[in-house]
Amino acid sequence: MVKLTLMILFLAIPFAFSACDTAYINAMDKMGYAKRDLLSSRVKSARDAQADAKKDIQSALDQFGQVVTYQGGDLEATYKKLKSELQRSEDSAETVRNRIEAVENVADSLFAEWKTELGQYSNADLRRKSEAKLSQTKNRYNDMLGAMKRAEQRIDPVLRPLRDHVLYLKHNLNARALAAMKGELVKVDAQVDQLVREMNRSIAEADRFIQIMEREPG
């Protein structure tokens, strides 16, 4: 019960603070919560954050489309909803960045510990097997992390034009300005499609990595 309570408490600490995160990882390790399990848990969190960001960005795109193809009604309210959807997407993007950083923190700690432990073997055969498994796990991890980062790097190029248009519309909320933006909708839509494909690939890679980590013994 104490272990569970402390685990929940530590999970509330923002992962972006590397020093705090290192202390968290070490504390969890002392409580018997293996770095391997923590890595799997954080990959799940990063995967879920990407899924949430994907939905939020698609929602912001939909709202942008409603603004630029305005057909009547309360335009000010429609604009405010777009602004709100954009902010939600910005928050989701920040969460994705933080979750990926958290994954990297615990992975670096796990692999450094694993490499150090190779020197503690007296049995050469067991050392070779462990070394081979470390190499295999790192390769799988690098594939997964690469997919996550490629997807994350596509987020800002999508949000940047939306950010600009929301800022412009703040002082130009009229039919002429909206008409001029219709061409931008097509461009942003194409960017979002690319982002969604990258995120889907990243989520699939994360799922594969999680399955491997949970299926194989530590």
N, C-alpha and C. Protein backbone atom coordinates (compact mmCIF):
# COMPACT_ATOMS: atom_id res chain seq x y z
N MET A 1 0.83 -1.21 0.00
CA MET A 1 0.00 0.00 0.00
C MET A 1 0.86 1.26 0.00
N VAL A 2 1.93 1.23 0.82
CA VAL A 2 2.85 2.37 0.88
C VAL A 2 3.53 2.55 -0.47
N LYS A 3 3.95 1.43 -1.07
CA LYS A 3 4.61 1.48 -2.37
C LYS A 3 3.69 2.09 -3.42
N LEU A 4 2.42 1.67 -3.42
CA LEU A 4 1.45 2.19 -4.39
C LEU A 4 1.23 3.68 -4.18
N THR A 5 1.11 4.09 -2.91
CA THR A 5 0.89 5.52 -2.60
C THR A 5 2.05 6.37 -3.07
N LEU A 6 3.28 5.91 -2.80
CA LEU A 6 4.47 6.65 -3.24
C LEU A 6 4.57 6.70 -4.75
N MET A 7 4.18 5.61 -5.39
CA MET A 7 4.23 5.57 -6.85
C MET A 7 3.29 6.60 -7.45
N ILE A 8 2.09 6.69 -6.91
CA ILE A 8 1.11 7.67 -7.40
C ILE A 8 1.61 9.09 -7.14
N LEU A 9 2.23 9.28 -5.98
CA LEU A 9 2.76 10.59 -5.64
C LEU A 9 3.85 11.01 -6.62
N PHE A 10 4.76 10.10 -6.93
CA PHE A 10 5.85 10.42 -7.84
C PHE A 10 5.35 10.64 -9.26
N LEU A 11 4.31 9.94 -9.66
CA LEU A 11 3.77 10.11 -11.00
C LEU A 11 3.21 11.50 -11.22
N ALA A 12 2.90 12.18 -10.12
CA ALA A 12 2.37 13.54 -10.22
C ALA A 12 3.47 14.57 -10.48
N ILE A 13 4.74 14.17 -10.32
CA ILE A 13 5.85 15.09 -10.56
C ILE A 13 6.03 15.26 -12.06
N PRO A 14 6.10 16.49 -12.57
CA PRO A 14 6.31 16.70 -14.01
C PRO A 14 7.61 16.06 -14.46
N PHE A 15 7.52 15.25 -15.51
CA PHE A 15 8.69 14.53 -16.00
C PHE A 15 9.73 15.45 -16.62
N ALA A 16 9.37 16.68 -16.98
CA ALA A 16 10.28 17.57 -17.68
C ALA A 16 11.47 17.97 -16.82
N PHE A 17 11.33 17.91 -15.52
CA PHE A 17 12.42 18.27 -14.63
C PHE A 17 13.34 17.07 -14.45
N SER A 18 14.43 17.07 -15.22
CA SER A 18 15.31 15.90 -15.29
C SER A 18 15.88 15.49 -13.93
N ALA A 19 16.28 16.48 -13.13
CA ALA A 19 16.85 16.15 -11.82
C ALA A 19 15.83 15.45 -10.95
N CYS A 20 14.62 15.99 -10.92
CA CYS A 20 13.54 15.36 -10.14
C CYS A 20 13.23 13.98 -10.69
N ASP A 21 13.29 13.87 -12.02
CA ASP A 21 12.96 12.60 -12.64
C ASP A 21 14.00 11.54 -12.31
N THR A 22 15.27 11.93 -12.27
CA THR A 22 16.32 10.98 -11.89
C THR A 22 16.10 10.48 -10.46
N ALA A 23 15.72 11.41 -9.59
CA ALA A 23 15.43 11.02 -8.20
C ALA A 23 14.23 10.08 -8.15
N TYR A 24 13.25 10.38 -8.97
CA TYR A 24 12.05 9.53 -9.03
C TYR A 24 12.40 8.11 -9.49
N ILE A 25 13.20 8.02 -10.57
CA ILE A 25 13.58 6.72 -11.11
C ILE A 25 14.35 5.91 -10.07
N ASN A 26 15.29 6.57 -9.39
CA ASN A 26 16.08 5.88 -8.36
C ASN A 26 15.23 5.44 -7.18
N ALA A 27 14.29 6.30 -6.78
CA ALA A 27 13.41 5.96 -5.66
C ALA A 27 12.51 4.78 -6.01
N MET A 28 11.99 4.78 -7.22
CA MET A 28 11.13 3.67 -7.65
C MET A 28 11.92 2.37 -7.72
N ASP A 29 13.18 2.47 -8.17
CA ASP A 29 14.03 1.29 -8.27
C ASP A 29 14.27 0.69 -6.88
N LYS A 30 14.50 1.55 -5.89
CA LYS A 30 14.73 1.09 -4.52
C LYS A 30 13.48 0.42 -3.93
N MET A 31 12.32 0.86 -4.41
CA MET A 31 11.07 0.27 -3.93
C MET A 31 10.73 -1.02 -4.67
N GLY A 32 11.60 -1.40 -5.62
CA GLY A 32 11.38 -2.65 -6.33
C GLY A 32 10.62 -2.51 -7.63
N TYR A 33 10.38 -1.25 -8.06
CA TYR A 33 9.69 -1.02 -9.33
C TYR A 33 10.77 -0.90 -10.40
N ALA A 34 11.02 -1.98 -11.14
CA ALA A 34 12.15 -2.08 -12.06
C ALA A 34 12.10 -1.02 -13.15
N LYS A 35 13.30 -0.59 -13.57
CA LYS A 35 13.40 0.40 -14.64
C LYS A 35 12.75 -0.11 -15.93
N ARG A 36 12.85 -1.39 -16.16
CA ARG A 36 12.23 -2.01 -17.33
C ARG A 36 10.72 -1.79 -17.33
N ASP A 37 10.09 -2.01 -16.15
CA ASP A 37 8.65 -1.81 -16.03
C ASP A 37 8.29 -0.33 -16.15
N LEU A 38 9.15 0.52 -15.59
CA LEU A 38 8.90 1.96 -15.68
C LEU A 38 9.00 2.43 -17.12
N LEU A 39 9.95 1.88 -17.88
CA LEU A 39 10.08 2.24 -19.29
C LEU A 39 8.82 1.85 -20.06
N SER A 40 8.35 0.64 -19.82
CA SER A 40 7.13 0.18 -20.49
C SER A 40 5.95 1.09 -20.16
N SER A 41 5.85 1.48 -18.88
CA SER A 41 4.76 2.36 -18.45
C SER A 41 4.85 3.73 -19.12
N ARG A 42 6.06 4.24 -19.24
CA ARG A 42 6.22 5.57 -19.84
C ARG A 42 6.00 5.55 -21.36
N VAL A 43 6.36 4.46 -21.99
CA VAL A 43 6.08 4.33 -23.42
C VAL A 43 4.57 4.33 -23.64
N LYS A 44 3.84 3.66 -22.76
CA LYS A 44 2.38 3.68 -22.85
C LYS A 44 1.85 5.11 -22.71
N SER A 45 2.39 5.85 -21.75
CA SER A 45 1.94 7.23 -21.53
C SER A 45 2.24 8.11 -22.74
N ALA A 46 3.43 7.92 -23.34
CA ALA A 46 3.79 8.70 -24.52
C ALA A 46 2.90 8.33 -25.70
N ARG A 47 2.62 7.04 -25.84
CA ARG A 47 1.72 6.59 -26.90
C ARG A 47 0.34 7.20 -26.74
N ASP A 48 -0.18 7.20 -25.52
CA ASP A 48 -1.51 7.76 -25.27
C ASP A 48 -1.53 9.27 -25.49
N ALA A 49 -0.42 9.94 -25.14
CA ALA A 49 -0.33 11.38 -25.35
C ALA A 49 -0.37 11.70 -26.84
N GLN A 50 0.29 10.88 -27.64
CA GLN A 50 0.26 11.09 -29.09
C GLN A 50 -1.14 10.86 -29.66
N ALA A 51 -1.83 9.86 -29.15
CA ALA A 51 -3.19 9.61 -29.61
C ALA A 51 -4.10 10.79 -29.26
N ASP A 52 -3.93 11.35 -28.07
CA ASP A 52 -4.72 12.50 -27.66
C ASP A 52 -4.39 13.72 -28.52
N ALA A 53 -3.10 13.93 -28.78
CA ALA A 53 -2.69 15.08 -29.60
C ALA A 53 -3.25 14.95 -31.01
N LYS A 54 -3.24 13.75 -31.53
CA LYS A 54 -3.78 13.52 -32.86
C LYS A 54 -5.25 13.94 -32.93
N LYS A 55 -6.02 13.53 -31.95
CA LYS A 55 -7.44 13.90 -31.91
C LYS A 55 -7.63 15.41 -31.75
N ASP A 56 -6.84 16.01 -30.87
CA ASP A 56 -6.98 17.46 -30.62
C ASP A 56 -6.63 18.27 -31.86
N ILE A 57 -5.57 17.88 -32.57
CA ILE A 57 -5.16 18.61 -33.76
C ILE A 57 -6.18 18.43 -34.88
N GLN A 58 -6.71 17.24 -35.02
CA GLN A 58 -7.77 17.03 -36.01
C GLN A 58 -9.00 17.87 -35.70
N SER A 59 -9.31 17.99 -34.42
CA SER A 59 -10.44 18.81 -34.00
C SER A 59 -10.19 20.28 -34.30
N ALA A 60 -8.94 20.73 -34.08
CA ALA A 60 -8.59 22.13 -34.39
C ALA A 60 -8.70 22.38 -35.88
N LEU A 61 -8.27 21.41 -36.69
CA LEU A 61 -8.38 21.55 -38.14
C LEU A 61 -9.85 21.65 -38.56
N ASP A 62 -10.68 20.80 -37.99
CA ASP A 62 -12.11 20.84 -38.30
C ASP A 62 -12.70 22.20 -37.96
N GLN A 63 -12.29 22.74 -36.82
CA GLN A 63 -12.81 24.04 -36.41
C GLN A 63 -12.29 25.15 -37.32
N PHE A 64 -11.05 25.05 -37.75
CA PHE A 64 -10.50 26.02 -38.70
C PHE A 64 -11.30 25.99 -39.99
N GLY A 65 -11.65 24.78 -40.42
CA GLY A 65 -12.48 24.65 -41.63
C GLY A 65 -13.83 25.32 -41.46
N GLN A 66 -14.41 25.20 -40.28
CA GLN A 66 -15.71 25.84 -40.03
C GLN A 66 -15.60 27.35 -40.06
N VAL A 67 -14.48 27.88 -39.61
CA VAL A 67 -14.29 29.33 -39.61
C VAL A 67 -14.12 29.86 -41.02
N VAL A 68 -13.22 29.25 -41.79
CA VAL A 68 -12.92 29.79 -43.12
C VAL A 68 -14.02 29.51 -44.14
N THR A 69 -14.88 28.54 -43.87
CA THR A 69 -16.02 28.28 -44.76
C THR A 69 -17.32 28.77 -44.12
N TYR A 70 -17.18 29.79 -43.33
CA TYR A 70 -18.30 30.38 -42.58
C TYR A 70 -19.52 30.61 -43.47
N GLN A 71 -20.66 30.09 -43.02
CA GLN A 71 -21.90 30.21 -43.79
C GLN A 71 -22.99 30.96 -43.04
N GLY A 72 -22.65 31.57 -41.94
CA GLY A 72 -23.66 32.28 -41.15
C GLY A 72 -23.64 31.81 -39.71
N GLY A 73 -24.26 32.59 -38.84
CA GLY A 73 -24.27 32.27 -37.42
C GLY A 73 -23.36 33.21 -36.65
N ASP A 74 -22.99 32.79 -35.47
CA ASP A 74 -22.17 33.64 -34.61
C ASP A 74 -20.70 33.41 -34.94
N LEU A 75 -20.14 34.27 -35.79
CA LEU A 75 -18.76 34.12 -36.23
C LEU A 75 -17.78 34.28 -35.07
N GLU A 76 -18.06 35.20 -34.17
CA GLU A 76 -17.18 35.44 -33.03
C GLU A 76 -17.09 34.19 -32.16
N ALA A 77 -18.21 33.53 -31.95
CA ALA A 77 -18.22 32.31 -31.14
C ALA A 77 -17.45 31.19 -31.83
N THR A 78 -17.60 31.11 -33.16
CA THR A 78 -16.89 30.09 -33.93
C THR A 78 -15.39 30.31 -33.85
N TYR A 79 -14.97 31.58 -33.93
CA TYR A 79 -13.56 31.93 -33.83
C TYR A 79 -13.02 31.58 -32.43
N LYS A 80 -13.77 31.90 -31.41
CA LYS A 80 -13.33 31.61 -30.04
C LYS A 80 -13.16 30.11 -29.83
N LYS A 81 -14.03 29.34 -30.44
CA LYS A 81 -13.90 27.88 -30.32
C LYS A 81 -12.62 27.41 -31.02
N LEU A 82 -12.32 28.01 -32.18
CA LEU A 82 -11.08 27.67 -32.88
C LEU A 82 -9.87 27.99 -32.00
N LYS A 83 -9.90 29.16 -31.39
CA LYS A 83 -8.79 29.57 -30.51
C LYS A 83 -8.63 28.58 -29.36
N SER A 84 -9.75 28.14 -28.81
CA SER A 84 -9.72 27.18 -27.71
C SER A 84 -9.18 25.83 -28.17
N GLU A 85 -9.59 25.39 -29.37
CA GLU A 85 -9.11 24.11 -29.90
C GLU A 85 -7.61 24.17 -30.17
N LEU A 86 -7.14 25.33 -30.65
CA LEU A 86 -5.71 25.48 -30.90
C LEU A 86 -4.93 25.40 -29.60
N GLN A 87 -5.42 26.05 -28.55
CA GLN A 87 -4.74 26.01 -27.26
C GLN A 87 -4.68 24.59 -26.71
N ARG A 88 -5.76 23.86 -26.89
CA ARG A 88 -5.78 22.46 -26.45
C ARG A 88 -4.73 21.65 -27.21
N SER A 89 -4.59 21.93 -28.50
CA SER A 89 -3.59 21.24 -29.31
C SER A 89 -2.18 21.61 -28.86
N GLU A 90 -1.97 22.88 -28.53
CA GLU A 90 -0.66 23.32 -28.03
C GLU A 90 -0.32 22.59 -26.72
N ASP A 91 -1.29 22.48 -25.85
CA ASP A 91 -1.08 21.79 -24.57
C ASP A 91 -0.77 20.31 -24.80
N SER A 92 -1.48 19.70 -25.76
CA SER A 92 -1.25 18.29 -26.08
C SER A 92 0.15 18.09 -26.65
N ALA A 93 0.58 19.03 -27.48
CA ALA A 93 1.92 18.94 -28.08
C ALA A 93 2.99 19.00 -26.99
N GLU A 94 2.80 19.88 -26.01
CA GLU A 94 3.75 19.99 -24.91
C GLU A 94 3.77 18.70 -24.09
N THR A 95 2.62 18.10 -23.89
CA THR A 95 2.55 16.83 -23.16
C THR A 95 3.31 15.75 -23.90
N VAL A 96 3.16 15.69 -25.21
CA VAL A 96 3.88 14.71 -26.02
C VAL A 96 5.38 14.88 -25.84
N ARG A 97 5.86 16.13 -25.92
CA ARG A 97 7.30 16.39 -25.76
C ARG A 97 7.79 15.93 -24.39
N ASN A 98 7.03 16.25 -23.36
CA ASN A 98 7.42 15.86 -22.00
C ASN A 98 7.43 14.35 -21.82
N ARG A 99 6.44 13.68 -22.40
CA ARG A 99 6.36 12.22 -22.24
C ARG A 99 7.51 11.53 -22.97
N ILE A 100 7.88 12.05 -24.14
CA ILE A 100 9.01 11.46 -24.87
C ILE A 100 10.30 11.67 -24.08
N GLU A 101 10.46 12.84 -23.51
CA GLU A 101 11.64 13.11 -22.67
C GLU A 101 11.69 12.15 -21.49
N ALA A 102 10.53 11.89 -20.91
CA ALA A 102 10.46 10.96 -19.77
C ALA A 102 10.86 9.55 -20.19
N VAL A 103 10.45 9.14 -21.39
CA VAL A 103 10.85 7.84 -21.93
C VAL A 103 12.37 7.78 -22.07
N GLU A 104 12.95 8.83 -22.64
CA GLU A 104 14.40 8.86 -22.84
C GLU A 104 15.15 8.81 -21.51
N ASN A 105 14.64 9.51 -20.50
CA ASN A 105 15.31 9.54 -19.21
C ASN A 105 15.44 8.14 -18.60
N VAL A 106 14.33 7.43 -18.57
CA VAL A 106 14.37 6.11 -17.93
C VAL A 106 15.10 5.10 -18.81
N ALA A 107 15.01 5.24 -20.14
CA ALA A 107 15.72 4.33 -21.03
C ALA A 107 17.23 4.49 -20.87
N ASP A 108 17.69 5.74 -20.81
CA ASP A 108 19.13 5.99 -20.62
C ASP A 108 19.61 5.37 -19.31
N SER A 109 18.80 5.50 -18.26
CA SER A 109 19.16 4.94 -16.96
C SER A 109 19.18 3.42 -17.01
N LEU A 110 18.18 2.83 -17.65
CA LEU A 110 18.10 1.37 -17.76
C LEU A 110 19.29 0.81 -18.53
N PHE A 111 19.59 1.40 -19.69
CA PHE A 111 20.66 0.85 -20.52
C PHE A 111 22.04 1.06 -19.90
N ALA A 112 22.22 2.19 -19.20
CA ALA A 112 23.49 2.42 -18.52
C ALA A 112 23.69 1.39 -17.41
N GLU A 113 22.63 1.12 -16.65
CA GLU A 113 22.70 0.12 -15.57
C GLU A 113 22.98 -1.26 -16.14
N TRP A 114 22.29 -1.59 -17.22
CA TRP A 114 22.44 -2.91 -17.85
C TRP A 114 23.87 -3.11 -18.34
N LYS A 115 24.45 -2.06 -18.97
CA LYS A 115 25.81 -2.15 -19.47
C LYS A 115 26.80 -2.35 -18.33
N THR A 116 26.58 -1.63 -17.23
CA THR A 116 27.46 -1.76 -16.07
C THR A 116 27.41 -3.17 -15.50
N GLU A 117 26.21 -3.73 -15.46
CA GLU A 117 26.02 -5.06 -14.89
C GLU A 117 26.69 -6.16 -15.71
N LEU A 118 26.97 -5.90 -16.99
CA LEU A 118 27.65 -6.91 -17.81
C LEU A 118 29.02 -7.25 -17.25
N GLY A 119 29.65 -6.25 -16.63
CA GLY A 119 30.98 -6.47 -16.06
C GLY A 119 30.96 -7.25 -14.76
N GLN A 120 29.76 -7.53 -14.24
CA GLN A 120 29.66 -8.23 -12.96
C GLN A 120 29.53 -9.75 -13.14
N TYR A 121 29.37 -10.20 -14.39
CA TYR A 121 29.22 -11.63 -14.63
C TYR A 121 30.56 -12.36 -14.48
N SER A 122 30.51 -13.52 -13.88
CA SER A 122 31.67 -14.41 -13.88
C SER A 122 31.50 -15.48 -14.96
N ASN A 123 30.25 -15.70 -15.37
CA ASN A 123 29.95 -16.69 -16.41
C ASN A 123 29.94 -15.99 -17.77
N ALA A 124 30.92 -16.31 -18.61
CA ALA A 124 31.06 -15.63 -19.90
C ALA A 124 29.87 -15.86 -20.82
N ASP A 125 29.30 -17.06 -20.77
CA ASP A 125 28.16 -17.37 -21.65
C ASP A 125 26.94 -16.53 -21.28
N LEU A 126 26.68 -16.42 -19.99
CA LEU A 126 25.55 -15.61 -19.54
C LEU A 126 25.78 -14.13 -19.88
N ARG A 127 27.04 -13.69 -19.76
CA ARG A 127 27.35 -12.30 -20.09
C ARG A 127 27.07 -12.03 -21.57
N ARG A 128 27.48 -12.96 -22.44
CA ARG A 128 27.24 -12.79 -23.88
C ARG A 128 25.75 -12.75 -24.19
N LYS A 129 24.98 -13.61 -23.53
CA LYS A 129 23.53 -13.63 -23.76
C LYS A 129 22.89 -12.32 -23.32
N SER A 130 23.32 -11.83 -22.16
CA SER A 130 22.76 -10.58 -21.66
C SER A 130 23.17 -9.41 -22.55
N GLU A 131 24.41 -9.45 -23.03
CA GLU A 131 24.88 -8.38 -23.91
C GLU A 131 24.11 -8.38 -25.23
N ALA A 132 23.82 -9.57 -25.75
CA ALA A 132 23.05 -9.69 -26.99
C ALA A 132 21.63 -9.17 -26.80
N LYS A 133 21.06 -9.48 -25.64
CA LYS A 133 19.70 -9.02 -25.37
C LYS A 133 19.66 -7.51 -25.18
N LEU A 134 20.69 -6.95 -24.56
CA LEU A 134 20.78 -5.50 -24.41
C LEU A 134 20.82 -4.83 -25.78
N SER A 135 21.65 -5.36 -26.67
CA SER A 135 21.78 -4.80 -28.01
C SER A 135 20.45 -4.88 -28.76
N GLN A 136 19.78 -6.02 -28.65
CA GLN A 136 18.49 -6.21 -29.32
C GLN A 136 17.44 -5.25 -28.77
N THR A 137 17.40 -5.10 -27.45
CA THR A 137 16.42 -4.21 -26.82
C THR A 137 16.67 -2.77 -27.21
N LYS A 138 17.95 -2.36 -27.24
CA LYS A 138 18.29 -0.99 -27.62
C LYS A 138 17.89 -0.71 -29.06
N ASN A 139 18.09 -1.68 -29.95
CA ASN A 139 17.71 -1.50 -31.35
C ASN A 139 16.20 -1.32 -31.50
N ARG A 140 15.45 -2.14 -30.76
CA ARG A 140 13.99 -2.02 -30.80
C ARG A 140 13.55 -0.68 -30.23
N TYR A 141 14.20 -0.30 -29.14
CA TYR A 141 13.89 0.99 -28.50
C TYR A 141 14.19 2.15 -29.45
N ASN A 142 15.34 2.11 -30.11
CA ASN A 142 15.71 3.19 -31.03
C ASN A 142 14.74 3.31 -32.19
N ASP A 143 14.24 2.18 -32.68
CA ASP A 143 13.23 2.21 -33.74
C ASP A 143 11.96 2.90 -33.25
N MET A 144 11.55 2.53 -32.05
CA MET A 144 10.34 3.10 -31.46
C MET A 144 10.51 4.59 -31.17
N LEU A 145 11.65 4.95 -30.56
CA LEU A 145 11.90 6.35 -30.22
C LEU A 145 12.00 7.20 -31.49
N GLY A 146 12.64 6.67 -32.51
CA GLY A 146 12.75 7.39 -33.77
C GLY A 146 11.38 7.70 -34.36
N ALA A 147 10.48 6.73 -34.30
CA ALA A 147 9.12 6.94 -34.81
C ALA A 147 8.39 7.99 -33.99
N MET A 148 8.56 7.96 -32.67
CA MET A 148 7.94 8.96 -31.80
C MET A 148 8.43 10.37 -32.13
N LYS A 149 9.74 10.49 -32.32
CA LYS A 149 10.31 11.81 -32.56
C LYS A 149 9.94 12.34 -33.94
N ARG A 150 9.88 11.45 -34.92
CA ARG A 150 9.46 11.89 -36.26
C ARG A 150 8.04 12.43 -36.23
N ALA A 151 7.18 11.75 -35.48
CA ALA A 151 5.79 12.22 -35.36
C ALA A 151 5.74 13.54 -34.59
N GLU A 152 6.49 13.62 -33.51
CA GLU A 152 6.47 14.84 -32.69
C GLU A 152 6.98 16.04 -33.48
N GLN A 153 7.98 15.81 -34.33
CA GLN A 153 8.56 16.90 -35.12
C GLN A 153 7.61 17.44 -36.19
N ARG A 154 6.58 16.69 -36.51
CA ARG A 154 5.59 17.16 -37.48
C ARG A 154 4.49 18.00 -36.84
N ILE A 155 4.44 18.02 -35.51
CA ILE A 155 3.36 18.73 -34.84
C ILE A 155 3.47 20.24 -35.04
N ASP A 156 4.63 20.81 -34.74
CA ASP A 156 4.75 22.27 -34.82
C ASP A 156 4.52 22.82 -36.22
N PRO A 157 5.02 22.15 -37.30
CA PRO A 157 4.72 22.65 -38.64
C PRO A 157 3.23 22.68 -38.96
N VAL A 158 2.46 21.86 -38.27
CA VAL A 158 1.00 21.88 -38.43
C VAL A 158 0.39 23.01 -37.61
N LEU A 159 0.86 23.16 -36.38
CA LEU A 159 0.29 24.18 -35.49
C LEU A 159 0.70 25.60 -35.88
N ARG A 160 1.88 25.75 -36.49
CA ARG A 160 2.38 27.09 -36.81
C ARG A 160 1.43 27.88 -37.70
N PRO A 161 0.96 27.33 -38.84
CA PRO A 161 0.02 28.11 -39.66
C PRO A 161 -1.31 28.35 -38.96
N LEU A 162 -1.77 27.39 -38.18
CA LEU A 162 -3.01 27.59 -37.43
C LEU A 162 -2.84 28.73 -36.43
N ARG A 163 -1.67 28.75 -35.79
CA ARG A 163 -1.34 29.80 -34.84
C ARG A 163 -1.37 31.17 -35.52
N ASP A 164 -0.76 31.26 -36.69
CA ASP A 164 -0.71 32.52 -37.44
C ASP A 164 -2.10 32.98 -37.85
N HIS A 165 -2.90 32.05 -38.33
CA HIS A 165 -4.24 32.42 -38.81
C HIS A 165 -5.15 32.86 -37.66
N VAL A 166 -5.04 32.18 -36.53
CA VAL A 166 -5.85 32.58 -35.37
C VAL A 166 -5.45 33.98 -34.92
N LEU A 167 -4.16 34.24 -34.92
CA LEU A 167 -3.67 35.57 -34.53
C LEU A 167 -4.15 36.64 -35.51
N TYR A 168 -4.11 36.32 -36.81
CA TYR A 168 -4.54 37.28 -37.83
C TYR A 168 -6.05 37.55 -37.73
N LEU A 169 -6.80 36.49 -37.51
CA LEU A 169 -8.26 36.64 -37.44
C LEU A 169 -8.72 37.44 -36.23
N LYS A 170 -7.88 37.52 -35.23
CA LYS A 170 -8.24 38.27 -34.03
C LYS A 170 -8.64 39.70 -34.38
N HIS A 171 -7.97 40.30 -35.38
CA HIS A 171 -8.26 41.68 -35.76
C HIS A 171 -8.80 41.79 -37.18
N ASN A 172 -9.09 40.64 -37.80
CA ASN A 172 -9.59 40.66 -39.18
C ASN A 172 -10.70 39.63 -39.37
N LEU A 173 -11.65 39.64 -38.48
CA LEU A 173 -12.72 38.65 -38.52
C LEU A 173 -13.82 39.15 -39.45
N ASN A 174 -13.58 38.98 -40.76
CA ASN A 174 -14.54 39.44 -41.76
C ASN A 174 -14.53 38.50 -42.95
N ALA A 175 -15.52 38.66 -43.82
CA ALA A 175 -15.70 37.75 -44.95
C ALA A 175 -14.51 37.76 -45.90
N ARG A 176 -13.91 38.93 -46.14
CA ARG A 176 -12.78 39.01 -47.06
C ARG A 176 -11.58 38.21 -46.52
N ALA A 177 -11.28 38.38 -45.25
CA ALA A 177 -10.16 37.66 -44.65
C ALA A 177 -10.40 36.16 -44.67
N LEU A 178 -11.63 35.76 -44.41
CA LEU A 178 -11.96 34.34 -44.40
C LEU A 178 -11.83 33.74 -45.79
N ALA A 179 -12.28 34.47 -46.80
CA ALA A 179 -12.20 33.98 -48.17
C ALA A 179 -10.74 33.77 -48.59
N ALA A 180 -9.87 34.67 -48.15
CA ALA A 180 -8.45 34.59 -48.50
C ALA A 180 -7.77 33.38 -47.87
N MET A 181 -8.36 32.83 -46.82
CA MET A 181 -7.73 31.72 -46.09
C MET A 181 -8.18 30.35 -46.59
N LYS A 182 -9.11 30.30 -47.50
CA LYS A 182 -9.64 29.00 -47.92
C LYS A 182 -8.55 28.13 -48.55
N GLY A 183 -7.63 28.75 -49.28
CA GLY A 183 -6.54 27.98 -49.86
C GLY A 183 -5.62 27.39 -48.80
N GLU A 184 -5.47 28.09 -47.68
CA GLU A 184 -4.63 27.61 -46.59
C GLU A 184 -5.20 26.36 -45.94
N LEU A 185 -6.52 26.25 -45.98
CA LEU A 185 -7.18 25.09 -45.37
C LEU A 185 -6.70 23.80 -46.03
N VAL A 186 -6.56 23.84 -47.36
CA VAL A 186 -6.11 22.65 -48.10
C VAL A 186 -4.68 22.28 -47.69
N LYS A 187 -3.81 23.29 -47.57
CA LYS A 187 -2.41 23.04 -47.18
C LYS A 187 -2.32 22.44 -45.78
N VAL A 188 -3.04 23.05 -44.84
CA VAL A 188 -3.00 22.57 -43.46
C VAL A 188 -3.60 21.16 -43.37
N ASP A 189 -4.64 20.92 -44.15
CA ASP A 189 -5.27 19.60 -44.16
C ASP A 189 -4.28 18.54 -44.60
N ALA A 190 -3.46 18.85 -45.62
CA ALA A 190 -2.45 17.90 -46.11
C ALA A 190 -1.39 17.65 -45.05
N GLN A 191 -1.01 18.70 -44.33
CA GLN A 191 -0.02 18.55 -43.27
C GLN A 191 -0.55 17.68 -42.14
N VAL A 192 -1.82 17.88 -41.80
CA VAL A 192 -2.43 17.08 -40.73
C VAL A 192 -2.51 15.62 -41.15
N ASP A 193 -2.81 15.36 -42.42
CA ASP A 193 -2.85 13.98 -42.91
C ASP A 193 -1.49 13.30 -42.74
N GLN A 194 -0.41 14.03 -43.06
CA GLN A 194 0.94 13.49 -42.88
C GLN A 194 1.24 13.23 -41.41
N LEU A 195 0.84 14.17 -40.58
CA LEU A 195 1.05 14.03 -39.14
C LEU A 195 0.32 12.80 -38.61
N VAL A 196 -0.91 12.63 -39.01
CA VAL A 196 -1.71 11.49 -38.54
C VAL A 196 -1.06 10.17 -38.95
N ARG A 197 -0.54 10.11 -40.18
CA ARG A 197 0.13 8.89 -40.62
C ARG A 197 1.37 8.60 -39.78
N GLU A 198 2.16 9.65 -39.51
CA GLU A 198 3.35 9.46 -38.68
C GLU A 198 2.98 9.05 -37.27
N MET A 199 1.93 9.64 -36.72
CA MET A 199 1.51 9.29 -35.37
C MET A 199 0.98 7.86 -35.31
N ASN A 200 0.26 7.45 -36.33
CA ASN A 200 -0.23 6.08 -36.36
C ASN A 200 0.93 5.08 -36.40
N ARG A 201 1.97 5.42 -37.20
CA ARG A 201 3.15 4.56 -37.24
C ARG A 201 3.85 4.53 -35.88
N SER A 202 3.95 5.69 -35.27
CA SER A 202 4.60 5.78 -33.95
C SER A 202 3.84 4.99 -32.90
N ILE A 203 2.53 5.12 -32.90
CA ILE A 203 1.70 4.40 -31.94
C ILE A 203 1.84 2.88 -32.14
N ALA A 204 1.90 2.46 -33.41
CA ALA A 204 2.07 1.03 -33.70
C ALA A 204 3.43 0.53 -33.22
N GLU A 205 4.49 1.35 -33.42
CA GLU A 205 5.82 0.98 -32.94
C GLU A 205 5.84 0.88 -31.41
N ALA A 206 5.16 1.82 -30.76
CA ALA A 206 5.10 1.80 -29.29
C ALA A 206 4.39 0.54 -28.82
N ASP A 207 3.30 0.18 -29.47
CA ASP A 207 2.57 -1.03 -29.09
C ASP A 207 3.45 -2.27 -29.23
N ARG A 208 4.22 -2.34 -30.32
CA ARG A 208 5.10 -3.50 -30.51
C ARG A 208 6.17 -3.55 -29.43
N PHE A 209 6.74 -2.39 -29.12
CA PHE A 209 7.79 -2.34 -28.10
C PHE A 209 7.24 -2.75 -26.74
N ILE A 210 6.06 -2.28 -26.40
CA ILE A 210 5.43 -2.62 -25.12
C ILE A 210 5.18 -4.12 -25.03
N GLN A 211 4.69 -4.70 -26.12
CA GLN A 211 4.41 -6.13 -26.13
C GLN A 211 5.68 -6.94 -25.92
N ILE A 212 6.76 -6.51 -26.56
CA ILE A 212 8.03 -7.21 -26.40
C ILE A 212 8.55 -7.09 -24.97
N MET A 213 8.49 -5.89 -24.42
CA MET A 213 8.99 -5.65 -23.06
C MET A 213 8.19 -6.44 -22.03
N GLU A 214 6.90 -6.56 -22.24
CA GLU A 214 6.05 -7.23 -21.26
C GLU A 214 6.03 -8.75 -21.45
N ARG A 215 6.38 -9.20 -22.67
CA ARG A 215 6.39 -10.63 -22.93
C ARG A 215 7.69 -11.28 -22.48
N GLU A 216 8.79 -10.57 -22.70
CA GLU A 216 10.10 -11.13 -22.36
C GLU A 216 10.44 -10.84 -20.90
N PRO A 217 11.10 -11.77 -20.24
CA PRO A 217 11.52 -11.54 -18.85
C PRO A 217 12.59 -10.48 -18.78
N GLY A 218 12.69 -9.78 -17.64
CA GLY A 218 13.68 -8.72 -17.49
C GLY A 218 15.08 -9.27 -17.30
